[in-house]
Amino acid sequence: MSQQTPAETELAELLIEALNLEDVAATDIDPDAPLFGDGLGLDSIDALELALAISKRYGFQLRSDSEENRRIFASLRALSAHVEQHRTA
């Protein structure tokens, strides 16, 4: 498992809080593992809840109709890089 950056750890904590993942610690999330399917096992409802939490925390919208979503939500590392690039808060 790769080491998380501070930004990835912060986002992992938000993910756990927003999705009520009680049995998961932020440091347990491999930043390179998939968030959906075989990785963390998130689904489309989780993606919507996570996008809302990111919007509130970081001040920008993740659009549900974006063709980039598959890449953006591929892993914690990919999502963190996108957040760092677009955050306003």
N, C-alpha and C. Protein backbone atom coordinates (compact mmCIF):
# COMPACT_ATOMS: atom_id res chain seq x y z
N MET A 1 0.84 -1.19 0.00
CA MET A 1 0.00 0.00 0.00
C MET A 1 0.89 1.25 0.00
N SER A 2 0.53 2.20 -0.82
CA SER A 2 1.27 3.46 -0.90
C SER A 2 0.99 4.31 0.34
N GLN A 3 1.91 5.20 0.62
CA GLN A 3 1.75 6.16 1.71
C GLN A 3 0.80 7.27 1.28
N GLN A 4 -0.12 7.67 2.15
CA GLN A 4 -1.03 8.78 1.85
C GLN A 4 -0.34 10.12 2.08
N THR A 5 -0.66 11.09 1.24
CA THR A 5 -0.23 12.45 1.48
C THR A 5 -1.18 13.05 2.52
N PRO A 6 -0.81 14.17 3.15
CA PRO A 6 -1.74 14.82 4.08
C PRO A 6 -3.08 15.16 3.43
N ALA A 7 -3.08 15.60 2.18
CA ALA A 7 -4.34 15.93 1.48
C ALA A 7 -5.18 14.68 1.28
N GLU A 8 -4.54 13.55 0.99
CA GLU A 8 -5.27 12.28 0.81
C GLU A 8 -5.86 11.81 2.13
N THR A 9 -5.12 11.98 3.22
CA THR A 9 -5.63 11.59 4.54
C THR A 9 -6.84 12.44 4.90
N GLU A 10 -6.76 13.75 4.65
CA GLU A 10 -7.89 14.65 4.93
C GLU A 10 -9.11 14.23 4.12
N LEU A 11 -8.93 13.90 2.86
CA LEU A 11 -10.04 13.49 2.01
C LEU A 11 -10.57 12.13 2.45
N ALA A 12 -9.70 11.23 2.86
CA ALA A 12 -10.13 9.92 3.35
C ALA A 12 -11.00 10.08 4.60
N GLU A 13 -10.63 11.01 5.48
CA GLU A 13 -11.43 11.27 6.68
C GLU A 13 -12.80 11.83 6.30
N LEU A 14 -12.85 12.71 5.31
CA LEU A 14 -14.13 13.24 4.83
C LEU A 14 -14.97 12.12 4.24
N LEU A 15 -14.36 11.25 3.46
CA LEU A 15 -15.06 10.13 2.85
C LEU A 15 -15.68 9.24 3.93
N ILE A 16 -14.91 8.92 4.94
CA ILE A 16 -15.40 8.07 6.04
C ILE A 16 -16.56 8.74 6.77
N GLU A 17 -16.41 10.03 7.04
CA GLU A 17 -17.46 10.79 7.74
C GLU A 17 -18.73 10.90 6.89
N ALA A 18 -18.58 11.26 5.62
CA ALA A 18 -19.74 11.48 4.74
C ALA A 18 -20.51 10.19 4.48
N LEU A 19 -19.80 9.07 4.42
CA LEU A 19 -20.44 7.80 4.07
C LEU A 19 -20.66 6.88 5.27
N ASN A 20 -20.38 7.39 6.46
CA ASN A 20 -20.57 6.62 7.69
C ASN A 20 -19.89 5.25 7.64
N LEU A 21 -18.63 5.24 7.22
CA LEU A 21 -17.87 3.99 7.15
C LEU A 21 -17.22 3.75 8.51
N GLU A 22 -17.99 3.20 9.43
CA GLU A 22 -17.56 3.09 10.82
C GLU A 22 -16.39 2.13 11.04
N ASP A 23 -16.26 1.11 10.21
CA ASP A 23 -15.23 0.09 10.42
C ASP A 23 -13.96 0.35 9.61
N VAL A 24 -13.83 1.57 9.06
CA VAL A 24 -12.69 1.90 8.21
C VAL A 24 -11.96 3.10 8.81
N ALA A 25 -10.64 3.00 8.92
CA ALA A 25 -9.82 4.13 9.35
C ALA A 25 -9.26 4.80 8.10
N ALA A 26 -9.03 6.09 8.18
CA ALA A 26 -8.51 6.84 7.04
C ALA A 26 -7.22 6.21 6.52
N THR A 27 -6.37 5.78 7.43
CA THR A 27 -5.09 5.20 7.02
C THR A 27 -5.24 3.80 6.42
N ASP A 28 -6.42 3.20 6.54
CA ASP A 28 -6.67 1.87 5.95
C ASP A 28 -6.97 1.96 4.45
N ILE A 29 -7.25 3.15 3.97
CA ILE A 29 -7.63 3.30 2.57
C ILE A 29 -6.37 3.45 1.72
N ASP A 30 -6.14 2.48 0.85
CA ASP A 30 -4.99 2.53 -0.05
C ASP A 30 -5.27 3.63 -1.08
N PRO A 31 -4.40 4.64 -1.17
CA PRO A 31 -4.67 5.76 -2.07
C PRO A 31 -4.71 5.37 -3.55
N ASP A 32 -4.15 4.21 -3.89
CA ASP A 32 -4.15 3.77 -5.29
C ASP A 32 -5.22 2.73 -5.59
N ALA A 33 -5.93 2.24 -4.57
CA ALA A 33 -6.96 1.21 -4.78
C ALA A 33 -8.24 1.86 -5.32
N PRO A 34 -9.00 1.12 -6.10
CA PRO A 34 -10.27 1.65 -6.62
C PRO A 34 -11.23 2.00 -5.47
N LEU A 35 -11.98 3.08 -5.65
CA LEU A 35 -12.99 3.44 -4.66
C LEU A 35 -14.27 2.62 -4.87
N PHE A 36 -14.50 2.20 -6.11
CA PHE A 36 -15.72 1.47 -6.46
C PHE A 36 -15.39 0.03 -6.80
N GLY A 37 -16.40 -0.83 -6.74
CA GLY A 37 -16.20 -2.24 -7.11
C GLY A 37 -15.33 -2.97 -6.11
N ASP A 38 -14.27 -3.59 -6.60
CA ASP A 38 -13.43 -4.46 -5.78
C ASP A 38 -12.62 -3.73 -4.71
N GLY A 39 -12.41 -2.43 -4.87
CA GLY A 39 -11.61 -1.67 -3.91
C GLY A 39 -12.39 -1.42 -2.63
N LEU A 40 -12.76 -0.17 -2.41
CA LEU A 40 -13.49 0.22 -1.20
C LEU A 40 -14.95 -0.22 -1.28
N GLY A 41 -15.43 -0.51 -2.47
CA GLY A 41 -16.79 -1.05 -2.63
C GLY A 41 -17.89 0.00 -2.64
N LEU A 42 -17.57 1.22 -3.00
CA LEU A 42 -18.59 2.27 -3.05
C LEU A 42 -19.51 2.06 -4.25
N ASP A 43 -20.70 2.69 -4.18
CA ASP A 43 -21.65 2.61 -5.29
C ASP A 43 -22.03 4.01 -5.74
N SER A 44 -22.97 4.11 -6.68
CA SER A 44 -23.32 5.41 -7.25
C SER A 44 -23.95 6.35 -6.23
N ILE A 45 -24.70 5.84 -5.29
CA ILE A 45 -25.27 6.68 -4.23
C ILE A 45 -24.15 7.25 -3.37
N ASP A 46 -23.16 6.42 -3.06
CA ASP A 46 -22.00 6.90 -2.30
C ASP A 46 -21.29 8.02 -3.06
N ALA A 47 -21.19 7.88 -4.37
CA ALA A 47 -20.53 8.92 -5.18
C ALA A 47 -21.27 10.24 -5.07
N LEU A 48 -22.59 10.21 -5.09
CA LEU A 48 -23.38 11.44 -4.96
C LEU A 48 -23.18 12.07 -3.58
N GLU A 49 -23.21 11.25 -2.54
CA GLU A 49 -23.01 11.77 -1.18
C GLU A 49 -21.60 12.34 -1.01
N LEU A 50 -20.63 11.67 -1.58
CA LEU A 50 -19.25 12.14 -1.50
C LEU A 50 -19.06 13.44 -2.27
N ALA A 51 -19.68 13.53 -3.44
CA ALA A 51 -19.60 14.77 -4.24
C ALA A 51 -20.21 15.94 -3.48
N LEU A 52 -21.31 15.72 -2.78
CA LEU A 52 -21.95 16.76 -1.99
C LEU A 52 -21.03 17.20 -0.83
N ALA A 53 -20.43 16.23 -0.16
CA ALA A 53 -19.52 16.55 0.95
C ALA A 53 -18.30 17.31 0.45
N ILE A 54 -17.77 16.93 -0.69
CA ILE A 54 -16.62 17.64 -1.28
C ILE A 54 -17.01 19.06 -1.64
N SER A 55 -18.20 19.22 -2.20
CA SER A 55 -18.69 20.55 -2.57
C SER A 55 -18.77 21.46 -1.35
N LYS A 56 -19.32 20.94 -0.26
CA LYS A 56 -19.45 21.73 0.96
C LYS A 56 -18.09 22.07 1.58
N ARG A 57 -17.18 21.11 1.60
CA ARG A 57 -15.89 21.29 2.26
C ARG A 57 -14.92 22.12 1.43
N TYR A 58 -14.89 21.87 0.12
CA TYR A 58 -13.84 22.46 -0.71
C TYR A 58 -14.32 23.56 -1.67
N GLY A 59 -15.63 23.80 -1.73
CA GLY A 59 -16.14 24.96 -2.44
C GLY A 59 -16.21 24.85 -3.96
N PHE A 60 -16.30 23.65 -4.49
CA PHE A 60 -16.51 23.51 -5.94
C PHE A 60 -17.41 22.31 -6.21
N GLN A 61 -18.05 22.31 -7.36
CA GLN A 61 -19.01 21.27 -7.72
C GLN A 61 -18.36 20.16 -8.54
N LEU A 62 -18.70 18.93 -8.21
CA LEU A 62 -18.39 17.78 -9.05
C LEU A 62 -19.69 17.46 -9.80
N ARG A 63 -19.67 17.57 -11.08
CA ARG A 63 -20.88 17.38 -11.88
C ARG A 63 -21.15 15.91 -12.15
N SER A 64 -22.39 15.50 -11.94
CA SER A 64 -22.75 14.10 -12.13
C SER A 64 -22.70 13.69 -13.60
N ASP A 65 -22.80 14.64 -14.51
CA ASP A 65 -22.80 14.31 -15.94
C ASP A 65 -21.42 14.46 -16.58
N SER A 66 -20.39 14.65 -15.78
CA SER A 66 -19.05 14.84 -16.32
C SER A 66 -18.48 13.51 -16.83
N GLU A 67 -17.92 13.55 -18.02
CA GLU A 67 -17.28 12.37 -18.58
C GLU A 67 -15.99 12.04 -17.84
N GLU A 68 -15.49 12.97 -17.05
CA GLU A 68 -14.25 12.79 -16.30
C GLU A 68 -14.46 12.02 -14.99
N ASN A 69 -15.71 11.79 -14.58
CA ASN A 69 -15.97 11.20 -13.27
C ASN A 69 -15.31 9.85 -13.06
N ARG A 70 -15.28 9.03 -14.09
CA ARG A 70 -14.66 7.71 -13.94
C ARG A 70 -13.18 7.87 -13.57
N ARG A 71 -12.51 8.83 -14.19
CA ARG A 71 -11.10 9.09 -13.88
C ARG A 71 -10.96 9.76 -12.51
N ILE A 72 -11.81 10.77 -12.24
CA ILE A 72 -11.74 11.52 -10.99
C ILE A 72 -11.95 10.61 -9.78
N PHE A 73 -12.94 9.72 -9.86
CA PHE A 73 -13.29 8.84 -8.74
C PHE A 73 -12.59 7.48 -8.81
N ALA A 74 -11.55 7.36 -9.62
CA ALA A 74 -10.88 6.07 -9.79
C ALA A 74 -10.24 5.58 -8.48
N SER A 75 -9.67 6.51 -7.72
CA SER A 75 -8.99 6.15 -6.47
C SER A 75 -8.94 7.37 -5.57
N LEU A 76 -8.56 7.16 -4.34
CA LEU A 76 -8.39 8.27 -3.41
C LEU A 76 -7.34 9.24 -3.95
N ARG A 77 -6.27 8.71 -4.52
CA ARG A 77 -5.19 9.56 -5.05
C ARG A 77 -5.70 10.43 -6.19
N ALA A 78 -6.48 9.84 -7.12
CA ALA A 78 -7.01 10.60 -8.26
C ALA A 78 -8.00 11.66 -7.78
N LEU A 79 -8.85 11.30 -6.84
CA LEU A 79 -9.83 12.24 -6.31
C LEU A 79 -9.15 13.37 -5.56
N SER A 80 -8.14 13.06 -4.78
CA SER A 80 -7.40 14.06 -4.04
C SER A 80 -6.70 15.04 -4.98
N ALA A 81 -6.10 14.53 -6.05
CA ALA A 81 -5.43 15.40 -7.01
C ALA A 81 -6.43 16.35 -7.65
N HIS A 82 -7.63 15.86 -7.97
CA HIS A 82 -8.66 16.71 -8.56
C HIS A 82 -9.11 17.79 -7.57
N VAL A 83 -9.32 17.38 -6.32
CA VAL A 83 -9.74 18.33 -5.29
C VAL A 83 -8.68 19.43 -5.11
N GLU A 84 -7.42 19.03 -5.01
CA GLU A 84 -6.35 20.01 -4.81
C GLU A 84 -6.27 20.99 -5.98
N GLN A 85 -6.58 20.53 -7.16
CA GLN A 85 -6.50 21.36 -8.35
C GLN A 85 -7.66 22.37 -8.43
N HIS A 86 -8.83 22.01 -7.86
CA HIS A 86 -10.03 22.83 -8.04
C HIS A 86 -10.58 23.47 -6.78
N ARG A 87 -10.04 23.17 -5.63
CA ARG A 87 -10.61 23.67 -4.37
C ARG A 87 -10.53 25.19 -4.29
N THR A 88 -11.57 25.76 -3.69
CA THR A 88 -11.61 27.20 -3.46
C THR A 88 -11.62 27.51 -1.97
N ALA A 89 -11.87 26.50 -1.17
CA ALA A 89 -11.94 26.70 0.29
C ALA A 89 -10.85 25.91 0.98
